[in-house]
PDB file of N, CA and C in Angstrom:
ATOM      1  N   MET A   1       0.892  -1.152   0.003  1.00  0.00           N
ATOM      2  CA  MET A   1      -0.025   0.068  -0.027  1.00  0.00           C
ATOM      3  C   MET A   1       0.831   1.268  -0.040  1.00  0.00           C
ATOM      4  N   SER A   2       2.018   1.295   0.728  1.00  0.00           N
ATOM      5  CA  SER A   2       2.779   2.434   0.769  1.00  0.00           C
ATOM      6  C   SER A   2       3.430   2.748  -0.521  1.00  0.00           C
ATOM      7  N   MET A   3       3.516   1.809  -1.466  1.00  0.00           N
ATOM      8  CA  MET A   3       4.058   2.044  -2.797  1.00  0.00           C
ATOM      9  C   MET A   3       3.128   3.021  -3.504  1.00  0.00           C
ATOM     10  N   PHE A   4       1.884   3.112  -3.225  1.00  0.00           N
ATOM     11  CA  PHE A   4       1.016   3.966  -3.953  1.00  0.00           C
ATOM     12  C   PHE A   4       0.822   5.329  -3.216  1.00  0.00           C
ATOM     13  N   ARG A   5       1.290   5.451  -1.992  1.00  0.00           N
ATOM     14  CA  ARG A   5       1.120   6.679  -1.254  1.00  0.00           C
ATOM     15  C   ARG A   5       2.037   7.801  -1.774  1.00  0.00           C
ATOM     16  N   ALA A   6       1.438   8.853  -2.045  1.00  0.00           N
ATOM     17  CA  ALA A   6       2.241  10.001  -2.615  1.00  0.00           C
ATOM     18  C   ALA A   6       3.222  10.533  -1.592  1.00  0.00           C
ATOM     19  N   LYS A   7       4.421  10.900  -2.084  1.00  0.00           N
ATOM     20  CA  LYS A   7       5.438  11.445  -1.199  1.00  0.00           C
ATOM     21  C   LYS A   7       4.929  12.742  -0.607  1.00  0.00           C
ATOM     22  N   LYS A   8       4.301  13.663  -1.420  1.00  0.00           N
ATOM     23  CA  LYS A   8       3.891  14.864  -0.860  1.00  0.00           C
ATOM     24  C   LYS A   8       2.413  15.020  -1.247  1.00  0.00           C
ATOM     25  N   LEU A   9       1.665  15.238  -0.275  1.00  0.00           N
ATOM     26  CA  LEU A   9       0.195  15.318  -0.531  1.00  0.00           C
ATOM     27  C   LEU A   9      -0.207  16.832  -0.886  1.00  0.00           C
ATOM     28  N   ASP A  10      -0.759  16.942  -2.084  1.00  0.00           N
ATOM     29  CA  ASP A  10      -1.200  18.294  -2.545  1.00  0.00           C
ATOM     30  C   ASP A  10      -2.650  18.443  -2.322  1.00  0.00           C
ATOM     31  N   LEU A  11      -3.076  18.288  -1.090  1.00  0.00           N
ATOM     32  CA  LEU A  11      -4.480  18.394  -0.723  1.00  0.00           C
ATOM     33  C   LEU A  11      -4.721  19.734   0.059  1.00  0.00           C
ATOM     34  N   GLY A  12      -5.901  20.299  -0.268  1.00  0.00           N
ATOM     35  CA  GLY A  12      -6.237  21.580   0.357  1.00  0.00           C
ATOM     36  C   GLY A  12      -7.434  21.401   1.326  1.00  0.00           C
ATOM     37  N   CYS A  13      -7.556  20.233   1.941  1.00  0.00           N
ATOM     38  CA  CYS A  13      -8.732  20.019   2.757  1.00  0.00           C
ATOM     39  C   CYS A  13      -8.324  19.329   4.045  1.00  0.00           C
ATOM     40  N   PHE A  14      -9.328  19.008   4.869  1.00  0.00           N
ATOM     41  CA  PHE A  14      -9.151  18.322   6.095  1.00  0.00           C
ATOM     42  C   PHE A  14      -8.496  16.907   5.774  1.00  0.00           C
ATOM     43  N   ILE A  15      -7.500  16.528   6.432  1.00  0.00           N
ATOM     44  CA  ILE A  15      -6.852  15.300   6.049  1.00  0.00           C
ATOM     45  C   ILE A  15      -7.123  14.245   7.207  1.00  0.00           C
ATOM     46  N   ASN A  16      -7.637  13.128   6.741  1.00  0.00           N
ATOM     47  CA  ASN A  16      -7.710  11.883   7.586  1.00  0.00           C
ATOM     48  C   ASN A  16      -7.326  10.747   6.752  1.00  0.00           C
ATOM     49  N   VAL A  17      -7.340   9.655   7.331  1.00  0.00           N
ATOM     50  CA  VAL A  17      -6.841   8.415   6.595  1.00  0.00           C
ATOM     51  C   VAL A  17      -7.636   8.131   5.296  1.00  0.00           C
ATOM     52  N   LYS A  18      -8.939   8.326   5.286  1.00  0.00           N
ATOM     53  CA  LYS A  18      -9.707   7.991   4.070  1.00  0.00           C
ATOM     54  C   LYS A  18      -9.415   8.993   2.968  1.00  0.00           C
ATOM     55  N   VAL A  19      -9.202  10.247   3.294  1.00  0.00           N
ATOM     56  CA  VAL A  19      -8.827  11.297   2.335  1.00  0.00           C
ATOM     57  C   VAL A  19      -7.500  10.932   1.638  1.00  0.00           C
ATOM     58  N   ILE A  20      -6.496  10.517   2.598  1.00  0.00           N
ATOM     59  CA  ILE A  20      -5.189  10.130   1.983  1.00  0.00           C
ATOM     60  C   ILE A  20      -5.307   8.934   1.189  1.00  0.00           C
ATOM     61  N   ARG A  21      -6.121   7.911   1.571  1.00  0.00           N
ATOM     62  CA  ARG A  21      -6.291   6.740   0.724  1.00  0.00           C
ATOM     63  C   ARG A  21      -6.900   7.008  -0.649  1.00  0.00           C
ATOM     64  N   ASP A  22      -7.918   7.916  -0.560  1.00  0.00           N
ATOM     65  CA  ASP A  22      -8.665   8.231  -1.873  1.00  0.00           C
ATOM     66  C   ASP A  22      -7.651   9.010  -2.725  1.00  0.00           C
ATOM     67  N   HIS A  23      -6.822   9.869  -2.199  1.00  0.00           N
ATOM     68  CA  HIS A  23      -5.896  10.611  -2.945  1.00  0.00           C
ATOM     69  C   HIS A  23      -4.830   9.615  -3.602  1.00  0.00           C
ATOM     70  N   SER A  24      -4.397   8.640  -2.878  1.00  0.00           N
ATOM     71  CA  SER A  24      -3.455   7.611  -3.381  1.00  0.00           C
ATOM     72  C   SER A  24      -4.149   6.851  -4.502  1.00  0.00           C
ATOM     73  N   LYS A  25      -5.399   6.548  -4.415  1.00  0.00           N
ATOM     74  CA  LYS A  25      -6.195   5.811  -5.419  1.00  0.00           C
ATOM     75  C   LYS A  25      -6.217   6.661  -6.697  1.00  0.00           C
ATOM     76  N   ARG A  26      -6.484   7.928  -6.538  1.00  0.00           N
ATOM     77  CA  ARG A  26      -6.620   8.761  -7.747  1.00  0.00           C
ATOM     78  C   ARG A  26      -5.264   8.873  -8.457  1.00  0.00           C
ATOM     79  N   LYS A  27      -4.133   8.982  -7.681  1.00  0.00           N
ATOM     80  CA  LYS A  27      -2.894   9.088  -8.289  1.00  0.00           C
ATOM     81  C   LYS A  27      -2.541   7.728  -9.038  1.00  0.00           C
ATOM     82  N   ALA A  28      -2.829   6.626  -8.378  1.00  0.00           N
ATOM     83  CA  ALA A  28      -2.533   5.337  -8.965  1.00  0.00           C
ATOM     84  C   ALA A  28      -3.323   5.080 -10.206  1.00  0.00           C
ATOM     85  N   PHE A  29      -4.593   5.525 -10.185  1.00  0.00           N
ATOM     86  CA  PHE A  29      -5.476   5.366 -11.379  1.00  0.00           C
ATOM     87  C   PHE A  29      -4.991   6.199 -12.575  1.00  0.00           C
ATOM     88  N   GLU A  30      -4.615   7.436 -12.218  1.00  0.00           N
ATOM     89  CA  GLU A  30      -4.055   8.372 -13.235  1.00  0.00           C
ATOM     90  C   GLU A  30      -2.866   7.748 -13.932  1.00  0.00           C
ATOM     91  N   ALA A  31      -2.011   7.183 -13.138  1.00  0.00           N
ATOM     92  CA  ALA A  31      -0.772   6.616 -13.674  1.00  0.00           C
ATOM     93  C   ALA A  31      -0.927   5.339 -14.498  1.00  0.00           C
ATOM     94  N   ALA A  32      -1.940   4.565 -14.134  1.00  0.00           N
ATOM     95  CA  ALA A  32      -2.129   3.280 -14.825  1.00  0.00           C
ATOM     96  C   ALA A  32      -3.197   3.230 -15.851  1.00  0.00           C
ATOM     97  N   GLU A  33      -3.826   4.386 -16.068  1.00  0.00           N
ATOM     98  CA  GLU A  33      -4.960   4.413 -16.983  1.00  0.00           C
ATOM     99  C   GLU A  33      -4.590   4.132 -18.391  1.00  0.00           C
ATOM    100  N   PRO A  34      -3.454   4.615 -18.903  1.00  0.00           N
ATOM    101  CA  PRO A  34      -3.138   4.283 -20.400  1.00  0.00           C
ATOM    102  C   PRO A  34      -2.957   2.735 -20.586  1.00  0.00           C
ATOM    103  N   GLU A  35      -2.201   2.220 -19.575  1.00  0.00           N
ATOM    104  CA  GLU A  35      -2.034   0.715 -19.671  1.00  0.00           C
ATOM    105  C   GLU A  35      -3.345  -0.013 -19.611  1.00  0.00           C
ATOM    106  N   ARG A  36      -4.223   0.389 -18.718  1.00  0.00           N
ATOM    107  CA  ARG A  36      -5.594  -0.305 -18.623  1.00  0.00           C
ATOM    108  C   ARG A  36      -6.285  -0.139 -19.927  1.00  0.00           C
ATOM    109  N   GLN A  37      -6.265   0.963 -20.563  1.00  0.00           N
ATOM    110  CA  GLN A  37      -6.964   1.226 -21.801  1.00  0.00           C
ATOM    111  C   GLN A  37      -6.448   0.390 -22.883  1.00  0.00           C
ATOM    112  N   ALA A  38      -5.090   0.205 -22.981  1.00  0.00           N
ATOM    113  CA  ALA A  38      -4.442  -0.640 -23.947  1.00  0.00           C
ATOM    114  C   ALA A  38      -4.825  -2.087 -23.824  1.00  0.00           C
ATOM    115  N   LEU A  39      -4.800  -2.513 -22.548  1.00  0.00           N
ATOM    116  CA  LEU A  39      -5.238  -3.928 -22.344  1.00  0.00           C
ATOM    117  C   LEU A  39      -6.664  -4.167 -22.650  1.00  0.00           C
ATOM    118  N   ARG A  40      -7.510  -3.241 -22.263  1.00  0.00           N
ATOM    119  CA  ARG A  40      -8.933  -3.370 -22.642  1.00  0.00           C
ATOM    120  C   ARG A  40      -9.195  -3.393 -24.117  1.00  0.00           C
ATOM    121  N   TYR A  41      -8.407  -2.617 -24.884  1.00  0.00           N
ATOM    122  CA  TYR A  41      -8.508  -2.629 -26.260  1.00  0.00           C
ATOM    123  C   TYR A  41      -8.148  -3.997 -26.845  1.00  0.00           C
ATOM    124  N   VAL A  42      -7.014  -4.563 -26.349  1.00  0.00           N
ATOM    125  CA  VAL A  42      -6.524  -5.891 -26.820  1.00  0.00           C
ATOM    126  C   VAL A  42      -7.628  -6.989 -26.493  1.00  0.00           C
ATOM    127  N   ILE A  43      -8.161  -6.883 -25.303  1.00  0.00           N
ATOM    128  CA  ILE A  43      -9.225  -7.851 -24.951  1.00  0.00           C
ATOM    129  C   ILE A  43     -10.429  -7.796 -25.766  1.00  0.00           C
ATOM    130  N   ARG A  44     -10.818  -6.663 -26.216  1.00  0.00           N
ATOM    131  CA  ARG A  44     -12.059  -6.484 -27.005  1.00  0.00           C
ATOM    132  C   ARG A  44     -11.815  -6.677 -28.503  1.00  0.00           C
ATOM    133  N   ASN A  45     -10.559  -6.703 -28.964  1.00  0.00           N
ATOM    134  CA  ASN A  45     -10.209  -6.836 -30.353  1.00  0.00           C
ATOM    135  C   ASN A  45     -10.410  -8.333 -30.810  1.00  0.00           C
ATOM    136  N   THR A  46     -11.444  -8.661 -31.518  1.00  0.00           N
ATOM    137  CA  THR A  46     -11.668 -10.034 -31.828  1.00  0.00           C
ATOM    138  C   THR A  46     -10.875 -10.582 -32.995  1.00  0.00           C
ATOM    139  N   THR A  47     -10.152  -9.686 -33.673  1.00  0.00           N
ATOM    140  CA  THR A  47      -9.254 -10.090 -34.786  1.00  0.00           C
ATOM    141  C   THR A  47      -7.952 -10.781 -34.265  1.00  0.00           C
ATOM    142  N   LEU A  48      -7.655 -10.467 -33.057  1.00  0.00           N
ATOM    143  CA  LEU A  48      -6.332 -10.888 -32.437  1.00  0.00           C
ATOM    144  C   LEU A  48      -6.533 -12.398 -32.013  1.00  0.00           C
ATOM    145  N   PRO A  49      -5.445 -13.148 -31.850  1.00  0.00           N
ATOM    146  CA  PRO A  49      -5.564 -14.613 -31.441  1.00  0.00           C
ATOM    147  C   PRO A  49      -6.159 -14.634 -30.040  1.00  0.00           C
ATOM    148  N   GLN A  50      -6.797 -15.794 -29.768  1.00  0.00           N
ATOM    149  CA  GLN A  50      -7.440 -15.925 -28.451  1.00  0.00           C
ATOM    150  C   GLN A  50      -6.442 -15.932 -27.370  1.00  0.00           C
ATOM    151  N   ARG A  51      -5.302 -16.483 -27.588  1.00  0.00           N
ATOM    152  CA  ARG A  51      -4.216 -16.599 -26.496  1.00  0.00           C
ATOM    153  C   ARG A  51      -3.754 -15.192 -26.122  1.00  0.00           C
ATOM    154  N   THR A  52      -3.561 -14.275 -27.107  1.00  0.00           N
ATOM    155  CA  THR A  52      -3.127 -12.999 -26.825  1.00  0.00           C
ATOM    156  C   THR A  52      -4.165 -12.252 -25.978  1.00  0.00           C
ATOM    157  N   ARG A  53      -5.369 -12.376 -26.380  1.00  0.00           N
ATOM    158  CA  ARG A  53      -6.474 -11.752 -25.601  1.00  0.00           C
ATOM    159  C   ARG A  53      -6.603 -12.265 -24.171  1.00  0.00           C
ATOM    160  N   ALA A  54      -6.383 -13.645 -23.981  1.00  0.00           N
ATOM    161  CA  ALA A  54      -6.418 -14.240 -22.642  1.00  0.00           C
ATOM    162  C   ALA A  54      -5.211 -13.732 -21.791  1.00  0.00           C
ATOM    163  N   VAL A  55      -4.041 -13.551 -22.419  1.00  0.00           N
ATOM    164  CA  VAL A  55      -2.918 -13.070 -21.607  1.00  0.00           C
ATOM    165  C   VAL A  55      -3.215 -11.615 -21.237  1.00  0.00           C
ATOM    166  N   ALA A  56      -3.758 -10.845 -22.059  1.00  0.00           N
ATOM    167  CA  ALA A  56      -4.072  -9.409 -21.749  1.00  0.00           C
ATOM    168  C   ALA A  56      -5.163  -9.357 -20.639  1.00  0.00           C
ATOM    169  N   GLN A  57      -6.132 -10.290 -20.662  1.00  0.00           N
ATOM    170  CA  GLN A  57      -7.085 -10.339 -19.662  1.00  0.00           C
ATOM    171  C   GLN A  57      -6.534 -10.670 -18.322  1.00  0.00           C
ATOM    172  N   LEU A  58      -5.619 -11.649 -18.351  1.00  0.00           N
ATOM    173  CA  LEU A  58      -4.898 -12.059 -17.069  1.00  0.00           C
ATOM    174  C   LEU A  58      -4.099 -10.886 -16.513  1.00  0.00           C
ATOM    175  N   GLN A  59      -3.406 -10.107 -17.377  1.00  0.00           N
ATOM    176  CA  GLN A  59      -2.624  -8.947 -16.937  1.00  0.00           C
ATOM    177  C   GLN A  59      -3.553  -7.912 -16.356  1.00  0.00           C
ATOM    178  N   LEU A  60      -4.692  -7.674 -16.919  1.00  0.00           N
ATOM    179  CA  LEU A  60      -5.585  -6.668 -16.445  1.00  0.00           C
ATOM    180  C   LEU A  60      -6.144  -7.133 -15.050  1.00  0.00           C
ATOM    181  N   THR A  61      -6.489  -8.377 -14.886  1.00  0.00           N
ATOM    182  CA  THR A  61      -7.036  -8.736 -13.574  1.00  0.00           C
ATOM    183  C   THR A  61      -5.992  -8.762 -12.526  1.00  0.00           C
ATOM    184  N   GLN A  62      -4.709  -8.865 -12.844  1.00  0.00           N
ATOM    185  CA  GLN A  62      -3.660  -8.875 -11.871  1.00  0.00           C
ATOM    186  C   GLN A  62      -3.105  -7.499 -11.468  1.00  0.00           C
ATOM    187  N   MET A  63      -3.664  -6.448 -12.183  1.00  0.00           N
ATOM    188  CA  MET A  63      -3.311  -5.126 -11.729  1.00  0.00           C
ATOM    189  C   MET A  63      -3.840  -4.835 -10.352  1.00  0.00           C
ATOM    190  N   HIS A  64      -3.236  -3.869  -9.692  1.00  0.00           N
ATOM    191  CA  HIS A  64      -3.583  -3.494  -8.283  1.00  0.00           C
ATOM    192  C   HIS A  64      -5.008  -2.946  -8.334  1.00  0.00           C
ATOM    193  N   CYS A  65      -5.726  -3.141  -7.255  1.00  0.00           N
ATOM    194  CA  CYS A  65      -7.123  -2.703  -7.206  1.00  0.00           C
ATOM    195  C   CYS A  65      -7.241  -1.157  -7.220  1.00  0.00           C
ATOM    196  N   TYR A  66      -6.160  -0.505  -6.726  1.00  0.00           N
ATOM    197  CA  TYR A  66      -6.178   0.939  -6.751  1.00  0.00           C
ATOM    198  C   TYR A  66      -6.219   1.526  -8.111  1.00  0.00           C
ATOM    199  N   THR A  67      -5.850   0.796  -9.141  1.00  0.00           N
ATOM    200  CA  THR A  67      -5.823   1.261 -10.540  1.00  0.00           C
ATOM    201  C   THR A  67      -7.243   1.186 -11.114  1.00  0.00           C
ATOM    202  N   ARG A  68      -8.267   0.726 -10.510  1.00  0.00           N
ATOM    203  CA  ARG A  68      -9.573   0.656 -11.022  1.00  0.00           C
ATOM    204  C   ARG A  68     -10.372   1.954 -10.846  1.00  0.00           C
ATOM    205  N   PRO A  69     -11.173   2.328 -11.877  1.00  0.00           N
ATOM    206  CA  PRO A  69     -11.917   3.564 -11.701  1.00  0.00           C
ATOM    207  C   PRO A  69     -12.973   3.465 -10.624  1.00  0.00           C
ATOM    208  N   THR A  70     -13.460   2.200 -10.329  1.00  0.00           N
ATOM    209  CA  THR A  70     -14.591   2.087  -9.435  1.00  0.00           C
ATOM    210  C   THR A  70     -14.068   2.354  -7.862  1.00  0.00           C
ATOM    211  N   GLN A  71     -12.763   2.308  -7.704  1.00  0.00           N
ATOM    212  CA  GLN A  71     -12.296   2.625  -6.335  1.00  0.00           C
ATOM    213  C   GLN A  71     -12.339   4.061  -5.972  1.00  0.00           C
ATOM    214  N   ILE A  72     -12.457   4.932  -6.914  1.00  0.00           N
ATOM    215  CA  ILE A  72     -12.405   6.336  -6.624  1.00  0.00           C
ATOM    216  C   ILE A  72     -13.825   6.783  -6.103  1.00  0.00           C
ATOM    217  N   ARG A  73     -13.824   7.602  -5.073  1.00  0.00           N
ATOM    218  CA  ARG A  73     -15.047   8.055  -4.498  1.00  0.00           C
ATOM    219  C   ARG A  73     -15.060   9.564  -4.328  1.00  0.00           C
ATOM    220  N   ASN A  74     -16.140  10.202  -4.677  1.00  0.00           N
ATOM    221  CA  ASN A  74     -16.216  11.656  -4.507  1.00  0.00           C
ATOM    222  C   ASN A  74     -16.186  11.992  -3.072  1.00  0.00           C
ATOM    223  N   ARG A  75     -15.339  12.922  -2.696  1.00  0.00           N
ATOM    224  CA  ARG A  75     -15.163  13.396  -1.286  1.00  0.00           C
ATOM    225  C   ARG A  75     -15.256  14.854  -1.243  1.00  0.00           C
ATOM    226  N   CYS A  76     -15.687  15.377  -0.035  1.00  0.00           N
ATOM    227  CA  CYS A  76     -15.857  16.761   0.178  1.00  0.00           C
ATOM    228  C   CYS A  76     -14.487  17.368   0.274  1.00  0.00           C
ATOM    229  N   LEU A  77     -14.254  18.546  -0.407  1.00  0.00           N
ATOM    230  CA  LEU A  77     -13.024  19.265  -0.285  1.00  0.00           C
ATOM    231  C   LEU A  77     -12.694  19.780   1.003  1.00  0.00           C
ATOM    232  N   LEU A  78     -13.762  20.193   1.762  1.00  0.00           N
ATOM    233  CA  LEU A  78     -13.532  20.825   3.044  1.00  0.00           C
ATOM    234  C   LEU A  78     -13.498  19.898   4.248  1.00  0.00           C
ATOM    235  N   GLY A  79     -14.388  18.876   4.247  1.00  0.00           N
ATOM    236  CA  GLY A  79     -14.400  17.970   5.377  1.00  0.00           C
ATOM    237  C   GLY A  79     -14.045  16.548   5.125  1.00  0.00           C
ATOM    238  N   GLY A  80     -13.783  16.127   3.867  1.00  0.00           N
ATOM    239  CA  GLY A  80     -13.425  14.833   3.621  1.00  0.00           C
ATOM    240  C   GLY A  80     -14.495  13.793   3.638  1.00  0.00           C
ATOM    241  N   LYS A  81     -15.753  14.217   3.807  1.00  0.00           N
ATOM    242  CA  LYS A  81     -16.810  13.230   3.876  1.00  0.00           C
ATOM    243  C   LYS A  81     -16.989  12.519   2.559  1.00  0.00           C
ATOM    244  N   GLY A  82     -17.513  11.343   2.535  1.00  0.00           N
ATOM    245  CA  GLY A  82     -17.716  10.574   1.295  1.00  0.00           C
ATOM    246  C   GLY A  82     -19.217  10.420   0.889  1.00  0.00           C
ATOM    247  N   ARG A  83     -20.023  10.836   1.793  1.00  0.00           N
ATOM    248  CA  ARG A  83     -21.478  10.788   1.531  1.00  0.00           C
ATOM    249  C   ARG A  83     -22.120  12.086   1.472  1.00  0.00           C
ATOM    250  N   GLY A  84     -23.203  12.215   0.584  1.00  0.00           N
ATOM    251  CA  GLY A  84     -23.931  13.519   0.514  1.00  0.00           C
ATOM    252  C   GLY A  84     -23.020  14.557  -0.156  1.00  0.00           C
ATOM    253  N   VAL A  85     -22.277  14.206  -1.143  1.00  0.00           N
ATOM    254  CA  VAL A  85     -21.409  15.210  -1.790  1.00  0.00           C
ATOM    255  C   VAL A  85     -22.065  15.671  -3.050  1.00  0.00           C
ATOM    256  N   LEU A  86     -22.136  16.935  -3.280  1.00  0.00           N
ATOM    257  CA  LEU A  86     -22.666  17.495  -4.498  1.00  0.00           C
ATOM    258  C   LEU A  86     -21.490  17.623  -5.503  1.00  0.00           C
ATOM    259  N   ARG A  87     -21.734  16.980  -6.661  1.00  0.00           N
ATOM    260  CA  ARG A  87     -20.759  16.805  -7.638  1.00  0.00           C
ATOM    261  C   ARG A  87     -20.245  18.156  -8.160  1.00  0.00           C
ATOM    262  N   ASP A  88     -21.199  19.096  -8.412  1.00  0.00           N
ATOM    263  CA  ASP A  88     -20.886  20.406  -9.093  1.00  0.00           C
ATOM    264  C   ASP A  88     -20.025  21.207  -8.231  1.00  0.00           C
ATOM    265  N   PHE A  89     -20.087  21.093  -6.927  1.00  0.00           N
ATOM    266  CA  PHE A  89     -19.356  21.924  -5.980  1.00  0.00           C
ATOM    267  C   PHE A  89     -18.279  21.163  -5.246  1.00  0.00           C
ATOM    268  N   LYS A  90     -18.252  19.837  -5.294  1.00  0.00           N
ATOM    269  CA  LYS A  90     -17.370  18.961  -4.605  1.00  0.00           C
ATOM    270  C   LYS A  90     -17.316  19.289  -3.151  1.00  0.00           C
ATOM    271  N   MET A  91     -18.595  19.461  -2.548  1.00  0.00           N
ATOM    272  CA  MET A  91     -18.701  19.684  -1.174  1.00  0.00           C
ATOM    273  C   MET A  91     -19.881  18.889  -0.622  1.00  0.00           C
ATOM    274  N   SER A  92     -19.822  18.544   0.643  1.00  0.00           N
ATOM    275  CA  SER A  92     -20.933  17.893   1.278  1.00  0.00           C
ATOM    276  C   SER A  92     -22.064  18.765   1.443  1.00  0.00           C
ATOM    277  N   ARG A  93     -23.249  18.237   1.693  1.00  0.00           N
ATOM    278  CA  ARG A  93     -24.492  19.059   1.845  1.00  0.00           C
ATOM    279  C   ARG A  93     -24.324  20.097   2.843  1.00  0.00           C
ATOM    280  N   PHE A  94     -23.792  19.676   3.999  1.00  0.00           N
ATOM    281  CA  PHE A  94     -23.704  20.651   5.155  1.00  0.00           C
ATOM    282  C   PHE A  94     -22.665  21.747   4.834  1.00  0.00           C
ATOM    283  N   ASN A  95     -21.522  21.413   4.309  1.00  0.00           N
ATOM    284  CA  ASN A  95     -20.568  22.402   4.007  1.00  0.00           C
ATOM    285  C   ASN A  95     -21.002  23.338   2.834  1.00  0.00           C
ATOM    286  N   PHE A  96     -21.771  22.813   1.941  1.00  0.00           N
ATOM    287  CA  PHE A  96     -22.281  23.576   0.834  1.00  0.00           C
ATOM    288  C   PHE A  96     -23.266  24.663   1.435  1.00  0.00           C
ATOM    289  N   ARG A  97     -24.111  24.228   2.362  1.00  0.00           N
ATOM    290  CA  ARG A  97     -25.120  25.074   2.945  1.00  0.00           C
ATOM    291  C   ARG A  97     -24.430  26.200   3.827  1.00  0.00           C
ATOM    292  N   MET A  98     -23.462  25.856   4.612  1.00  0.00           N
ATOM    293  CA  MET A  98     -22.756  26.848   5.334  1.00  0.00           C
ATOM    294  C   MET A  98     -21.929  27.839   4.516  1.00  0.00           C
ATOM    295  N   GLN A  99     -21.411  27.381   3.438  1.00  0.00           N
ATOM    296  CA  GLN A  99     -20.611  28.258   2.523  1.00  0.00           C
ATOM    297  C   GLN A  99     -21.647  29.214   1.749  1.00  0.00           C
ATOM    298  N   ALA A 100     -22.767  28.611   1.275  1.00  0.00           N
ATOM    299  CA  ALA A 100     -23.702  29.398   0.576  1.00  0.00           C
ATOM    300  C   ALA A 100     -24.353  30.405   1.483  1.00  0.00           C
ATOM    301  N   LEU A 101     -24.651  30.083   2.705  1.00  0.00           N
ATOM    302  CA  LEU A 101     -25.232  31.146   3.578  1.00  0.00           C
ATOM    303  C   LEU A 101     -24.231  32.221   3.953  1.00  0.00           C
ATOM    304  N   ALA A 102     -22.939  31.824   3.953  1.00  0.00           N
ATOM    305  CA  ALA A 102     -21.891  32.840   4.272  1.00  0.00           C
ATOM    306  C   ALA A 102     -21.599  33.691   3.025  1.00  0.00           C
ATOM    307  N   GLY A 103     -22.164  33.285   1.826  1.00  0.00           N
ATOM    308  CA  GLY A 103     -21.878  34.077   0.574  1.00  0.00           C
ATOM    309  C   GLY A 103     -20.518  33.709  -0.051  1.00  0.00           C
ATOM    310  N   ASN A 104     -19.992  32.619   0.230  1.00  0.00           N
ATOM    311  CA  ASN A 104     -18.615  32.256  -0.237  1.00  0.00           C
ATOM    312  C   ASN A 104     -18.693  31.589  -1.595  1.00  0.00           C
ATOM    313  N   ILE A 105     -19.893  31.215  -2.099  1.00  0.00           N
ATOM    314  CA  ILE A 105     -20.074  30.508  -3.345  1.00  0.00           C
ATOM    315  C   ILE A 105     -20.714  31.476  -4.329  1.00  0.00           C
ATOM    316  N   PRO A 106     -19.964  31.889  -5.344  1.00  0.00           N
ATOM    317  CA  PRO A 106     -20.659  32.854  -6.262  1.00  0.00           C
ATOM    318  C   PRO A 106     -21.761  32.252  -7.049  1.00  0.00           C
ATOM    319  N   GLY A 107     -22.873  33.084  -7.240  1.00  0.00           N
ATOM    320  CA  GLY A 107     -23.945  32.574  -8.025  1.00  0.00           C
ATOM    321  C   GLY A 107     -24.967  31.777  -7.283  1.00  0.00           C
ATOM    322  N   VAL A 108     -24.754  31.546  -5.894  1.00  0.00           N
ATOM    323  CA  VAL A 108     -25.618  30.667  -5.121  1.00  0.00           C
ATOM    324  C   VAL A 108     -26.217  31.570  -4.093  1.00  0.00           C
ATOM    325  N   LYS A 109     -27.592  31.542  -3.996  1.00  0.00           N
ATOM    326  CA  LYS A 109     -28.213  32.278  -2.870  1.00  0.00           C
ATOM    327  C   LYS A 109     -29.335  31.441  -2.426  1.00  0.00           C
ATOM    328  N   LYS A 110     -29.871  31.766  -1.234  1.00  0.00           N
ATOM    329  CA  LYS A 110     -30.961  30.995  -0.667  1.00  0.00           C
ATOM    330  C   LYS A 110     -32.242  31.263  -1.485  1.00  0.00           C
ATOM    331  N   ALA A 111     -32.900  30.130  -1.750  1.00  0.00           N
ATOM    332  CA  ALA A 111     -34.183  30.318  -2.510  1.00  0.00           C
ATOM    333  C   ALA A 111     -35.309  30.885  -1.685  1.00  0.00           C
ATOM    334  N   SER A 112     -36.030  31.740  -2.294  1.00  0.00           N
ATOM    335  CA  SER A 112     -37.235  32.288  -1.605  1.00  0.00           C
ATOM    336  C   SER A 112     -38.254  32.567  -2.711  1.00  0.00           C
ATOM    337  N   TRP A 113     -39.484  32.138  -2.529  1.00  0.00           N
ATOM    338  CA  TRP A 113     -40.477  32.455  -3.475  1.00  0.00           C
ATOM    339  C   TRP A 113     -41.831  32.650  -2.902  1.00  0.00           C
TER     340      TRP A 113
END
């Protein structure tokens, strides 16, 4: 696991173990994505020999789990929470509400009708 941990964390949020792990997963995914795409192309190419495709599939399954896109989870930039995160703002519901009420998010205001 430590081989995937970044030497210097370029995070601007509250840091706990889950945030560090998610950051490591994102870096590992970014580094391994071209190789994953190439292997997936080889696997799906039906014109190639079956043995070549099987070897590529074996290599893909033996890659570390941190290189999978399904391992990445949206997390709040301010609090590190993994649930209730608004994609557009990358903040949890509570932090979004507090920032919006304070007027720190441009273009967002409390609804009234």
